[in-house]
Every structure is written in structure tokens, then in C-alpha cells.
Amino acid sequence: MLRTARLLLFALLPIAAIAQTPPPGNPYDPARYPNPIITFVEEKDFKDGDYAQVEKDAGIEILGLSQSEGKRDALSIAAGRFVKTMTILGNIRSDVTFYPVVRQTFKLIAGGDLLLHSFKFPRVSLPQNFGRAVLNEAATEKKKKPSEMRFGGMAPEVLEIRGTEGLLFEKDGKITVYWEEAGVGHTATSSLPRRELFRVIEDLL
């Protein structure tokens, strides 16, 4: 399935106002976590699994690529967990249920790789609208040390992808795009040029 993408970048606009709400998480440390969005499981937590079992354990429908775009090279999953009274922002704390994260690696026909992570959006024990507002504020909160900030000091761009708003992070030639569909969060990471990466993301089905 290939959709027509409206790839509009809204750099410099406040993400709390228009972007997809990021999940709660620890400050981003590239040595431990998959990307700036997924900082609630570590790289070492992922275990290989077969398709049916991974899909069952994750409780989500696993996205894939058409054969004309690429082939799945690896599939793994990291277990979810429950965190009691996690600090979200300032003095605001909440119990948080983190669900399993699915990791897929694709070899692309045109060359290069695509790393795709998918997860149910974590359940936060706060009223929905208030909780989303708090998570947005926590993501943009300024601190003295970048290592203490939610995104590790990285400043995301805002874009529209697959008919919804998302975030784009870029560093050292690697791009990560985050978006949410029907309560499931996805991140796609690659060293592809932007337009090519956007086109491959639109092909996910």
C-alpha cells in the first residue's frame, strides 16, 4: 500500500502545540536506548522471536513492507513493565504501564536498512487530556544538562507522515521518525535520504 504523503516540515513550531505526543520515558542515552522516543526499554532487552508469538505477546498488528520495497531480516521483542509513581514532569508522578516493544530490521531492495520499532502507547494513570499535555511539556522541558532532558538535548522537527503528525530526529546522518496510529507508536530509523525514507514509511502495511 503506497499512500500519497504530504511531507510537510514545521520546524521551530512548539511540539506541544501540534505534534504527536511522545510516550513517557527516561532521558535519552544513545548508549542504552534505541532512539530518543523509546527510552523505556534498552537495547539489551530485545530477544529474537517468531512472528506469531511476537505479535501475540505485543498485542499489536505488526507492520511490514511490500516485496518490492524490502524483506524482513530480523524480528525481536522487549518485554513491557509496570513502573509505580514514575516522575513525569516536576512534581507530577504517575503509575505507568509500558507494553512490549517490537523491533524489526528490513533489508531494502534499493539498498540500505530500515529499523522499525512498534509498541502500544503506554498507559499513564492521569486524565487523558491532562496526561497528554504533561507528556508534551515533559518532552520540551529545558534543563541545564542535555543528558537530563527527555530527548537527550536533541531538538525534533515536526512533520506530517502517513496522514498524521509526527516527530523527526536527525544526527550523524541517521534519521528517526516517530508517529502514532490507532494507539500504536512507531519509530522508523535509517540512514536513507529523507525523501526516500518518507517514501518507504508510506509503504508500510
N, C-alpha and C. Protein backbone atom coordinates (compact mmCIF):
# COMPACT_ATOMS: atom_id res chain seq x y z
N MET A 1 0.85 -1.19 0.00
CA MET A 1 0.00 0.00 0.00
C MET A 1 0.89 1.24 0.00
N LEU A 2 0.76 2.08 -0.98
CA LEU A 2 1.55 3.29 -1.09
C LEU A 2 0.62 4.49 -1.03
N ARG A 3 0.80 5.29 0.00
CA ARG A 3 -0.05 6.46 0.15
C ARG A 3 0.65 7.69 -0.41
N THR A 4 -0.13 8.68 -0.78
CA THR A 4 0.44 9.95 -1.20
C THR A 4 0.73 10.75 0.06
N ALA A 5 1.99 11.05 0.25
CA ALA A 5 2.40 11.69 1.51
C ALA A 5 2.41 13.20 1.36
N ARG A 6 1.92 13.86 2.38
CA ARG A 6 2.09 15.30 2.48
C ARG A 6 3.22 15.51 3.48
N LEU A 7 4.42 15.61 2.97
CA LEU A 7 5.60 15.62 3.83
C LEU A 7 5.94 17.06 4.19
N LEU A 8 5.19 17.59 5.10
CA LEU A 8 5.33 19.00 5.46
C LEU A 8 6.12 19.10 6.76
N LEU A 9 7.23 19.81 6.73
CA LEU A 9 8.03 20.02 7.93
C LEU A 9 7.65 21.36 8.55
N PHE A 10 7.43 21.32 9.86
CA PHE A 10 7.05 22.53 10.57
C PHE A 10 8.12 22.87 11.60
N ALA A 11 9.34 23.04 11.17
CA ALA A 11 10.44 23.31 12.07
C ALA A 11 10.16 24.59 12.86
N LEU A 12 10.60 24.57 14.09
CA LEU A 12 10.52 25.70 15.00
C LEU A 12 9.15 25.88 15.63
N LEU A 13 8.15 25.13 15.23
CA LEU A 13 6.86 25.22 15.91
C LEU A 13 6.90 24.38 17.17
N PRO A 14 6.25 24.81 18.26
CA PRO A 14 6.30 24.05 19.50
C PRO A 14 5.62 22.70 19.36
N ILE A 15 6.32 21.62 19.72
CA ILE A 15 5.75 20.30 19.51
C ILE A 15 4.54 20.06 20.41
N ALA A 16 4.48 20.76 21.55
CA ALA A 16 3.33 20.58 22.42
C ALA A 16 2.05 21.04 21.74
N ALA A 17 2.21 21.95 20.75
CA ALA A 17 1.02 22.52 20.12
C ALA A 17 0.49 21.67 18.99
N ILE A 18 1.37 21.01 18.22
CA ILE A 18 0.87 20.35 17.02
C ILE A 18 1.35 18.92 16.81
N ALA A 19 2.36 18.49 17.54
CA ALA A 19 2.98 17.20 17.21
C ALA A 19 2.33 16.04 17.94
N GLN A 20 2.66 14.86 17.46
CA GLN A 20 2.24 13.63 18.11
C GLN A 20 2.86 13.56 19.50
N THR A 21 2.06 13.23 20.49
CA THR A 21 2.55 13.17 21.86
C THR A 21 3.56 12.04 22.04
N PRO A 22 4.75 12.33 22.54
CA PRO A 22 5.72 11.27 22.79
C PRO A 22 5.35 10.49 24.05
N PRO A 23 5.74 9.24 24.15
CA PRO A 23 5.46 8.46 25.35
C PRO A 23 6.34 8.91 26.51
N PRO A 24 5.98 8.56 27.74
CA PRO A 24 6.87 8.84 28.86
C PRO A 24 8.13 8.00 28.71
N GLY A 25 9.20 8.44 29.33
CA GLY A 25 10.44 7.69 29.25
C GLY A 25 11.56 8.37 30.01
N ASN A 26 12.69 7.69 30.08
CA ASN A 26 13.86 8.25 30.73
C ASN A 26 14.57 9.20 29.78
N PRO A 27 15.46 10.06 30.28
CA PRO A 27 16.26 10.89 29.38
C PRO A 27 17.03 10.01 28.39
N TYR A 28 17.11 10.46 27.16
CA TYR A 28 17.73 9.65 26.11
C TYR A 28 19.23 9.53 26.28
N ASP A 29 19.70 8.29 26.28
CA ASP A 29 21.13 7.96 26.31
C ASP A 29 21.37 7.04 25.12
N PRO A 30 22.06 7.51 24.07
CA PRO A 30 22.24 6.68 22.87
C PRO A 30 23.02 5.39 23.11
N ALA A 31 23.72 5.31 24.20
CA ALA A 31 24.47 4.09 24.51
C ALA A 31 23.56 3.00 25.07
N ARG A 32 22.34 3.38 25.50
CA ARG A 32 21.45 2.42 26.14
C ARG A 32 20.15 2.19 25.37
N TYR A 33 19.59 3.26 24.80
CA TYR A 33 18.24 3.17 24.27
C TYR A 33 18.21 3.18 22.74
N PRO A 34 17.17 2.60 22.14
CA PRO A 34 17.09 2.50 20.68
C PRO A 34 17.07 3.85 19.96
N ASN A 35 16.35 4.84 20.52
CA ASN A 35 16.24 6.16 19.90
C ASN A 35 15.65 7.13 20.92
N PRO A 36 15.53 8.42 20.60
CA PRO A 36 15.04 9.39 21.58
C PRO A 36 13.62 9.15 22.07
N ILE A 37 12.81 8.44 21.31
CA ILE A 37 11.43 8.17 21.71
C ILE A 37 11.36 6.97 22.65
N ILE A 38 12.04 5.89 22.29
CA ILE A 38 11.95 4.64 23.06
C ILE A 38 13.07 4.59 24.08
N THR A 39 12.79 5.14 25.26
CA THR A 39 13.77 5.15 26.34
C THR A 39 13.21 4.43 27.58
N PHE A 40 12.29 3.52 27.33
CA PHE A 40 11.71 2.74 28.43
C PHE A 40 12.06 1.27 28.32
N VAL A 41 12.75 0.87 27.27
CA VAL A 41 13.42 -0.43 27.18
C VAL A 41 14.82 -0.18 26.62
N GLU A 42 15.75 -1.05 26.96
CA GLU A 42 17.13 -0.90 26.50
C GLU A 42 17.42 -1.87 25.36
N GLU A 43 18.49 -1.59 24.62
CA GLU A 43 18.87 -2.45 23.50
C GLU A 43 19.06 -3.90 23.96
N LYS A 44 19.61 -4.09 25.14
CA LYS A 44 19.89 -5.43 25.64
C LYS A 44 18.63 -6.22 26.00
N ASP A 45 17.49 -5.55 26.05
CA ASP A 45 16.24 -6.21 26.45
C ASP A 45 15.59 -7.00 25.32
N PHE A 46 16.01 -6.78 24.08
CA PHE A 46 15.34 -7.41 22.94
C PHE A 46 15.79 -8.87 22.77
N LYS A 47 14.78 -9.73 22.54
CA LYS A 47 15.02 -11.16 22.31
C LYS A 47 14.37 -11.56 20.99
N ASP A 48 15.07 -12.37 20.22
CA ASP A 48 14.52 -12.85 18.95
C ASP A 48 13.28 -13.71 19.19
N GLY A 49 12.35 -13.67 18.24
CA GLY A 49 11.13 -14.47 18.36
C GLY A 49 10.52 -14.71 17.00
N ASP A 50 9.58 -15.68 16.93
CA ASP A 50 8.90 -15.92 15.67
C ASP A 50 7.71 -14.98 15.55
N TYR A 51 7.27 -14.77 14.32
CA TYR A 51 6.27 -13.76 14.01
C TYR A 51 5.00 -13.91 14.84
N ALA A 52 4.42 -15.10 14.86
CA ALA A 52 3.14 -15.31 15.54
C ALA A 52 3.25 -15.03 17.03
N GLN A 53 4.33 -15.48 17.66
CA GLN A 53 4.48 -15.30 19.10
C GLN A 53 4.75 -13.84 19.44
N VAL A 54 5.58 -13.19 18.64
CA VAL A 54 5.87 -11.77 18.89
C VAL A 54 4.61 -10.93 18.76
N GLU A 55 3.82 -11.18 17.72
CA GLU A 55 2.59 -10.43 17.52
C GLU A 55 1.62 -10.67 18.67
N LYS A 56 1.53 -11.90 19.15
CA LYS A 56 0.64 -12.22 20.28
C LYS A 56 1.10 -11.53 21.55
N ASP A 57 2.40 -11.60 21.84
CA ASP A 57 2.93 -11.01 23.07
C ASP A 57 2.81 -9.48 23.06
N ALA A 58 2.99 -8.89 21.89
CA ALA A 58 2.94 -7.42 21.80
C ALA A 58 1.50 -6.91 21.80
N GLY A 59 0.56 -7.74 21.34
CA GLY A 59 -0.84 -7.33 21.29
C GLY A 59 -1.12 -6.28 20.23
N ILE A 60 -0.29 -6.26 19.18
CA ILE A 60 -0.49 -5.31 18.09
C ILE A 60 -0.33 -6.04 16.76
N GLU A 61 -0.83 -5.40 15.70
CA GLU A 61 -0.62 -5.92 14.35
C GLU A 61 0.73 -5.43 13.85
N ILE A 62 1.60 -6.34 13.46
CA ILE A 62 2.95 -5.98 13.05
C ILE A 62 2.94 -5.45 11.63
N LEU A 63 3.54 -4.28 11.44
CA LEU A 63 3.66 -3.70 10.11
C LEU A 63 4.72 -4.43 9.29
N GLY A 64 4.59 -4.36 7.98
CA GLY A 64 5.58 -4.95 7.10
C GLY A 64 5.74 -4.12 5.84
N LEU A 65 6.66 -4.54 4.96
CA LEU A 65 6.89 -3.85 3.70
C LEU A 65 6.46 -4.73 2.54
N SER A 66 6.07 -4.11 1.45
CA SER A 66 5.78 -4.87 0.25
C SER A 66 7.07 -5.49 -0.27
N GLN A 67 6.96 -6.59 -1.00
CA GLN A 67 8.13 -7.29 -1.52
C GLN A 67 8.94 -6.42 -2.46
N SER A 68 8.30 -5.46 -3.08
CA SER A 68 9.01 -4.57 -3.99
C SER A 68 9.90 -3.58 -3.26
N GLU A 69 9.66 -3.41 -1.95
CA GLU A 69 10.44 -2.46 -1.17
C GLU A 69 11.57 -3.12 -0.36
N GLY A 70 11.28 -4.27 0.23
CA GLY A 70 12.31 -4.88 1.06
C GLY A 70 11.85 -6.16 1.71
N LYS A 71 12.75 -6.75 2.49
CA LYS A 71 12.49 -8.03 3.14
C LYS A 71 12.89 -7.95 4.61
N ARG A 72 12.03 -8.51 5.48
CA ARG A 72 12.33 -8.54 6.91
C ARG A 72 13.55 -9.42 7.16
N ASP A 73 14.54 -8.86 7.83
CA ASP A 73 15.80 -9.57 8.09
C ASP A 73 15.88 -10.10 9.51
N ALA A 74 15.21 -9.42 10.46
CA ALA A 74 15.25 -9.84 11.86
C ALA A 74 14.01 -9.33 12.58
N LEU A 75 13.58 -10.08 13.60
CA LEU A 75 12.40 -9.75 14.39
C LEU A 75 12.68 -10.09 15.84
N SER A 76 12.43 -9.13 16.74
CA SER A 76 12.66 -9.37 18.17
C SER A 76 11.68 -8.54 18.98
N ILE A 77 11.64 -8.81 20.28
CA ILE A 77 10.69 -8.13 21.17
C ILE A 77 11.34 -7.90 22.53
N ALA A 78 11.00 -6.77 23.14
CA ALA A 78 11.42 -6.46 24.51
C ALA A 78 10.17 -6.42 25.39
N ALA A 79 10.22 -7.06 26.52
CA ALA A 79 9.06 -7.18 27.40
C ALA A 79 8.65 -5.82 27.99
N GLY A 80 7.36 -5.69 28.26
CA GLY A 80 6.85 -4.50 28.92
C GLY A 80 7.09 -4.56 30.42
N ARG A 81 6.71 -3.50 31.10
CA ARG A 81 6.88 -3.47 32.56
C ARG A 81 5.97 -2.41 33.16
N PHE A 82 5.78 -2.52 34.47
CA PHE A 82 4.98 -1.56 35.21
C PHE A 82 5.90 -0.74 36.10
N VAL A 83 5.75 0.60 36.04
CA VAL A 83 6.56 1.48 36.88
C VAL A 83 5.62 2.25 37.80
N LYS A 84 5.83 2.13 39.08
CA LYS A 84 4.96 2.80 40.05
C LYS A 84 5.49 4.20 40.36
N THR A 85 4.58 5.16 40.39
CA THR A 85 4.87 6.57 40.69
C THR A 85 6.11 7.08 39.95
N MET A 86 6.11 6.94 38.65
CA MET A 86 7.19 7.46 37.82
C MET A 86 7.08 8.97 37.72
N THR A 87 8.21 9.66 37.84
CA THR A 87 8.21 11.11 37.67
C THR A 87 8.01 11.46 36.21
N ILE A 88 6.98 12.24 35.91
CA ILE A 88 6.67 12.63 34.54
C ILE A 88 7.17 14.05 34.26
N LEU A 89 6.82 14.97 35.15
CA LEU A 89 7.20 16.37 34.99
C LEU A 89 7.16 17.05 36.35
N GLY A 90 8.29 17.60 36.79
CA GLY A 90 8.32 18.29 38.07
C GLY A 90 7.85 17.38 39.20
N ASN A 91 6.79 17.82 39.89
CA ASN A 91 6.23 17.04 40.99
C ASN A 91 5.11 16.10 40.54
N ILE A 92 4.85 16.05 39.25
CA ILE A 92 3.77 15.19 38.73
C ILE A 92 4.30 13.78 38.54
N ARG A 93 3.68 12.85 39.23
CA ARG A 93 4.06 11.44 39.14
C ARG A 93 2.86 10.60 38.73
N SER A 94 3.12 9.44 38.18
CA SER A 94 2.02 8.58 37.75
C SER A 94 2.51 7.15 37.65
N ASP A 95 1.59 6.21 37.93
CA ASP A 95 1.88 4.81 37.59
C ASP A 95 1.84 4.70 36.07
N VAL A 96 2.78 3.97 35.49
CA VAL A 96 2.85 3.83 34.04
C VAL A 96 3.00 2.35 33.67
N THR A 97 2.15 1.90 32.76
CA THR A 97 2.27 0.56 32.21
C THR A 97 2.90 0.66 30.83
N PHE A 98 4.11 0.12 30.71
CA PHE A 98 4.80 0.09 29.42
C PHE A 98 4.56 -1.28 28.78
N TYR A 99 4.15 -1.26 27.54
CA TYR A 99 3.85 -2.50 26.83
C TYR A 99 5.07 -2.97 26.03
N PRO A 100 5.09 -4.23 25.60
CA PRO A 100 6.25 -4.74 24.85
C PRO A 100 6.53 -3.91 23.60
N VAL A 101 7.79 -3.90 23.22
CA VAL A 101 8.24 -3.18 22.01
C VAL A 101 8.74 -4.21 20.99
N VAL A 102 8.21 -4.11 19.78
CA VAL A 102 8.63 -4.99 18.68
C VAL A 102 9.71 -4.28 17.86
N ARG A 103 10.78 -4.99 17.55
CA ARG A 103 11.84 -4.42 16.71
C ARG A 103 11.99 -5.26 15.44
N GLN A 104 11.96 -4.60 14.30
CA GLN A 104 12.14 -5.27 13.01
C GLN A 104 13.25 -4.59 12.22
N THR A 105 14.05 -5.41 11.54
CA THR A 105 15.07 -4.89 10.64
C THR A 105 14.75 -5.35 9.23
N PHE A 106 14.73 -4.41 8.29
CA PHE A 106 14.43 -4.73 6.90
C PHE A 106 15.64 -4.41 6.02
N LYS A 107 15.93 -5.31 5.09
CA LYS A 107 16.89 -5.04 4.03
C LYS A 107 16.10 -4.51 2.83
N LEU A 108 16.47 -3.33 2.37
CA LEU A 108 15.70 -2.69 1.32
C LEU A 108 16.23 -3.07 -0.06
N ILE A 109 15.32 -3.24 -1.00
CA ILE A 109 15.68 -3.64 -2.36
C ILE A 109 16.61 -2.61 -2.99
N ALA A 110 16.35 -1.34 -2.75
CA ALA A 110 17.14 -0.27 -3.35
C ALA A 110 18.47 -0.04 -2.63
N GLY A 111 18.69 -0.80 -1.55
CA GLY A 111 19.91 -0.63 -0.77
C GLY A 111 19.64 0.05 0.55
N GLY A 112 20.39 -0.33 1.57
CA GLY A 112 20.21 0.26 2.88
C GLY A 112 19.30 -0.57 3.77
N ASP A 113 19.13 -0.13 5.00
CA ASP A 113 18.34 -0.83 6.01
C ASP A 113 17.27 0.09 6.59
N LEU A 114 16.24 -0.53 7.14
CA LEU A 114 15.21 0.19 7.88
C LEU A 114 15.02 -0.52 9.21
N LEU A 115 15.12 0.24 10.31
CA LEU A 115 14.88 -0.30 11.64
C LEU A 115 13.55 0.24 12.13
N LEU A 116 12.61 -0.66 12.41
CA LEU A 116 11.26 -0.25 12.80
C LEU A 116 10.93 -0.78 14.19
N HIS A 117 10.52 0.12 15.09
CA HIS A 117 10.06 -0.25 16.43
C HIS A 117 8.58 0.10 16.55
N SER A 118 7.80 -0.78 17.20
CA SER A 118 6.36 -0.56 17.36
C SER A 118 5.94 -0.97 18.76
N PHE A 119 4.97 -0.24 19.33
CA PHE A 119 4.53 -0.51 20.71
C PHE A 119 3.18 0.14 20.96
N LYS A 120 2.38 -0.50 21.82
CA LYS A 120 1.18 0.17 22.31
C LYS A 120 1.60 1.38 23.13
N PHE A 121 0.88 2.49 22.94
CA PHE A 121 1.21 3.68 23.72
C PHE A 121 1.04 3.36 25.20
N PRO A 122 2.03 3.69 26.04
CA PRO A 122 1.97 3.37 27.47
C PRO A 122 0.72 3.95 28.14
N ARG A 123 0.23 3.23 29.15
CA ARG A 123 -0.93 3.69 29.90
C ARG A 123 -0.46 4.49 31.11
N VAL A 124 -0.86 5.76 31.15
CA VAL A 124 -0.49 6.66 32.23
C VAL A 124 -1.72 6.92 33.08
N SER A 125 -1.57 6.85 34.40
CA SER A 125 -2.71 6.99 35.31
C SER A 125 -3.02 8.46 35.59
N LEU A 126 -3.26 9.20 34.52
CA LEU A 126 -3.66 10.60 34.60
C LEU A 126 -4.83 10.80 33.66
N PRO A 127 -5.71 11.80 33.90
CA PRO A 127 -6.77 12.08 32.94
C PRO A 127 -6.19 12.26 31.54
N GLN A 128 -6.86 11.76 30.51
CA GLN A 128 -6.27 11.67 29.18
C GLN A 128 -5.72 12.99 28.66
N ASN A 129 -6.55 14.02 28.61
CA ASN A 129 -6.10 15.30 28.05
C ASN A 129 -4.98 15.92 28.88
N PHE A 130 -5.12 15.82 30.21
CA PHE A 130 -4.09 16.36 31.09
C PHE A 130 -2.80 15.56 30.93
N GLY A 131 -2.93 14.24 30.84
CA GLY A 131 -1.76 13.38 30.69
C GLY A 131 -0.99 13.69 29.42
N ARG A 132 -1.69 13.86 28.30
CA ARG A 132 -1.03 14.18 27.04
C ARG A 132 -0.33 15.54 27.12
N ALA A 133 -0.99 16.51 27.75
CA ALA A 133 -0.38 17.84 27.89
C ALA A 133 0.89 17.76 28.73
N VAL A 134 0.84 16.98 29.81
CA VAL A 134 2.01 16.82 30.68
C VAL A 134 3.16 16.14 29.93
N LEU A 135 2.85 15.11 29.14
CA LEU A 135 3.90 14.42 28.38
C LEU A 135 4.53 15.34 27.35
N ASN A 136 3.72 16.16 26.69
CA ASN A 136 4.26 17.13 25.73
C ASN A 136 5.18 18.13 26.42
N GLU A 137 4.74 18.61 27.58
CA GLU A 137 5.54 19.58 28.32
C GLU A 137 6.84 18.94 28.81
N ALA A 138 6.76 17.70 29.25
CA ALA A 138 7.96 16.99 29.73
C ALA A 138 8.97 16.81 28.61
N ALA A 139 8.48 16.60 27.39
CA ALA A 139 9.38 16.38 26.25
C ALA A 139 10.16 17.64 25.89
N THR A 140 9.61 18.82 26.17
CA THR A 140 10.26 20.08 25.78
C THR A 140 10.88 20.79 26.97
N GLU A 141 10.81 20.20 28.15
CA GLU A 141 11.34 20.85 29.35
C GLU A 141 12.86 21.07 29.23
N LYS A 142 13.29 22.29 29.47
CA LYS A 142 14.71 22.64 29.41
C LYS A 142 15.39 22.33 30.74
N LYS A 143 16.58 21.77 30.65
CA LYS A 143 17.38 21.50 31.85
C LYS A 143 18.82 21.91 31.58
N LYS A 144 19.60 22.06 32.64
CA LYS A 144 20.97 22.54 32.49
C LYS A 144 21.81 21.56 31.68
N LYS A 145 21.63 20.27 31.90
CA LYS A 145 22.41 19.26 31.20
C LYS A 145 21.55 18.57 30.15
N PRO A 146 21.99 18.54 28.89
CA PRO A 146 21.22 17.83 27.86
C PRO A 146 20.96 16.37 28.22
N SER A 147 21.87 15.75 28.94
CA SER A 147 21.72 14.34 29.32
C SER A 147 20.56 14.11 30.27
N GLU A 148 20.01 15.20 30.85
CA GLU A 148 18.88 15.08 31.77
C GLU A 148 17.56 15.37 31.07
N MET A 149 17.62 15.77 29.80
CA MET A 149 16.41 16.12 29.06
C MET A 149 15.81 14.89 28.39
N ARG A 150 14.50 14.92 28.17
CA ARG A 150 13.77 13.75 27.65
C ARG A 150 14.38 13.22 26.35
N PHE A 151 14.76 14.12 25.44
CA PHE A 151 15.33 13.71 24.16
C PHE A 151 16.85 13.83 24.14
N GLY A 152 17.46 13.92 25.32
CA GLY A 152 18.91 13.99 25.38
C GLY A 152 19.49 15.24 24.73
N GLY A 153 18.70 16.30 24.69
CA GLY A 153 19.15 17.54 24.10
C GLY A 153 18.90 17.65 22.62
N MET A 154 18.37 16.60 21.98
CA MET A 154 18.06 16.66 20.56
C MET A 154 16.76 17.44 20.35
N ALA A 155 16.74 18.28 19.32
CA ALA A 155 15.55 19.08 19.03
C ALA A 155 14.85 18.50 17.80
N PRO A 156 13.67 17.91 17.98
CA PRO A 156 12.98 17.30 16.83
C PRO A 156 12.31 18.32 15.93
N GLU A 157 12.18 17.95 14.68
CA GLU A 157 11.34 18.69 13.73
C GLU A 157 9.96 18.04 13.75
N VAL A 158 8.96 18.79 13.34
CA VAL A 158 7.60 18.29 13.25
C VAL A 158 7.27 18.06 11.78
N LEU A 159 6.64 16.94 11.47
CA LEU A 159 6.28 16.64 10.10
C LEU A 159 4.94 15.93 10.05
N GLU A 160 4.40 15.83 8.86
CA GLU A 160 3.18 15.04 8.66
C GLU A 160 3.57 13.79 7.88
N ILE A 161 3.22 12.63 8.42
CA ILE A 161 3.58 11.36 7.79
C ILE A 161 2.44 10.37 7.96
N ARG A 162 2.11 9.63 6.94
CA ARG A 162 1.02 8.64 6.97
C ARG A 162 -0.29 9.25 7.49
N GLY A 163 -0.53 10.50 7.13
CA GLY A 163 -1.79 11.15 7.47
C GLY A 163 -1.89 11.62 8.90
N THR A 164 -0.77 11.67 9.62
CA THR A 164 -0.81 12.13 11.00
C THR A 164 0.45 12.94 11.28
N GLU A 165 0.48 13.60 12.43
CA GLU A 165 1.65 14.38 12.79
C GLU A 165 2.68 13.52 13.49
N GLY A 166 3.92 13.84 13.31
CA GLY A 166 4.99 13.07 13.92
C GLY A 166 6.19 13.93 14.22
N LEU A 167 7.25 13.27 14.68
CA LEU A 167 8.49 13.96 15.03
C LEU A 167 9.64 13.35 14.25
N LEU A 168 10.61 14.16 13.89
CA LEU A 168 11.79 13.70 13.17
C LEU A 168 13.04 14.13 13.93
N PHE A 169 13.91 13.17 14.19
CA PHE A 169 15.20 13.41 14.83
C PHE A 169 16.30 13.07 13.82
N GLU A 170 17.33 13.90 13.75
CA GLU A 170 18.43 13.61 12.82
C GLU A 170 19.76 13.93 13.49
N LYS A 171 20.69 12.97 13.41
CA LYS A 171 22.03 13.18 13.97
C LYS A 171 23.00 12.24 13.29
N ASP A 172 24.15 12.78 12.90
CA ASP A 172 25.23 11.99 12.31
C ASP A 172 24.76 11.16 11.12
N GLY A 173 23.88 11.75 10.31
CA GLY A 173 23.43 11.07 9.10
C GLY A 173 22.35 10.03 9.31
N LYS A 174 21.87 9.87 10.54
CA LYS A 174 20.81 8.90 10.83
C LYS A 174 19.53 9.64 11.21
N ILE A 175 18.42 9.20 10.63
CA ILE A 175 17.12 9.83 10.86
C ILE A 175 16.19 8.86 11.57
N THR A 176 15.47 9.36 12.57
CA THR A 176 14.41 8.60 13.22
C THR A 176 13.11 9.38 13.12
N VAL A 177 12.07 8.74 12.62
CA VAL A 177 10.74 9.36 12.52
C VAL A 177 9.79 8.63 13.47
N TYR A 178 9.05 9.41 14.25
CA TYR A 178 8.07 8.85 15.19
C TYR A 178 6.67 9.31 14.82
N TRP A 179 5.72 8.36 14.85
CA TRP A 179 4.31 8.69 14.65
C TRP A 179 3.47 7.66 15.39
N GLU A 180 2.17 7.94 15.50
CA GLU A 180 1.24 7.05 16.21
C GLU A 180 0.02 6.81 15.34
N GLU A 181 -0.39 5.55 15.27
CA GLU A 181 -1.59 5.17 14.54
C GLU A 181 -2.44 4.26 15.41
N ALA A 182 -3.69 4.67 15.66
CA ALA A 182 -4.65 3.84 16.40
C ALA A 182 -4.08 3.34 17.72
N GLY A 183 -3.42 4.22 18.47
CA GLY A 183 -2.91 3.86 19.78
C GLY A 183 -1.61 3.09 19.77
N VAL A 184 -1.01 2.91 18.59
CA VAL A 184 0.27 2.21 18.48
C VAL A 184 1.33 3.19 18.00
N GLY A 185 2.43 3.28 18.74
CA GLY A 185 3.53 4.15 18.36
C GLY A 185 4.52 3.42 17.48
N HIS A 186 5.10 4.12 16.53
CA HIS A 186 6.09 3.54 15.64
C HIS A 186 7.27 4.49 15.50
N THR A 187 8.47 3.93 15.43
CA THR A 187 9.64 4.72 15.05
C THR A 187 10.34 4.00 13.91
N ALA A 188 10.74 4.75 12.90
CA ALA A 188 11.48 4.21 11.76
C ALA A 188 12.82 4.92 11.70
N THR A 189 13.90 4.15 11.67
CA THR A 189 15.24 4.71 11.70
C THR A 189 16.05 4.21 10.51
N SER A 190 16.76 5.12 9.86
CA SER A 190 17.55 4.73 8.69
C SER A 190 18.54 5.84 8.36
N SER A 191 19.53 5.48 7.54
CA SER A 191 20.48 6.46 7.01
C SER A 191 20.10 6.88 5.60
N LEU A 192 18.91 6.49 5.14
CA LEU A 192 18.44 6.89 3.82
C LEU A 192 18.24 8.40 3.74
N PRO A 193 18.31 8.97 2.54
CA PRO A 193 17.91 10.37 2.38
C PRO A 193 16.46 10.56 2.82
N ARG A 194 16.11 11.75 3.24
CA ARG A 194 14.78 11.99 3.79
C ARG A 194 13.65 11.55 2.87
N ARG A 195 13.67 12.00 1.64
CA ARG A 195 12.55 11.68 0.74
C ARG A 195 12.41 10.17 0.54
N GLU A 196 13.53 9.48 0.45
CA GLU A 196 13.48 8.04 0.26
C GLU A 196 12.93 7.36 1.52
N LEU A 197 13.37 7.82 2.69
CA LEU A 197 12.85 7.25 3.94
C LEU A 197 11.36 7.51 4.06
N PHE A 198 10.90 8.71 3.77
CA PHE A 198 9.47 9.02 3.84
C PHE A 198 8.68 8.09 2.91
N ARG A 199 9.21 7.86 1.72
CA ARG A 199 8.51 7.01 0.75
C ARG A 199 8.40 5.58 1.27
N VAL A 200 9.46 5.07 1.89
CA VAL A 200 9.43 3.70 2.43
C VAL A 200 8.45 3.61 3.59
N ILE A 201 8.42 4.63 4.46
CA ILE A 201 7.48 4.64 5.59
C ILE A 201 6.04 4.60 5.08
N GLU A 202 5.78 5.36 4.02
CA GLU A 202 4.42 5.37 3.46
C GLU A 202 4.04 4.00 2.91
N ASP A 203 5.00 3.18 2.57
CA ASP A 203 4.73 1.86 2.00
C ASP A 203 4.44 0.81 3.08
N LEU A 204 4.71 1.12 4.34
CA LEU A 204 4.47 0.15 5.41
C LEU A 204 2.99 -0.25 5.43
N LEU A 205 2.74 -1.55 5.59
CA LEU A 205 1.36 -2.04 5.61
C LEU A 205 1.21 -3.21 6.57
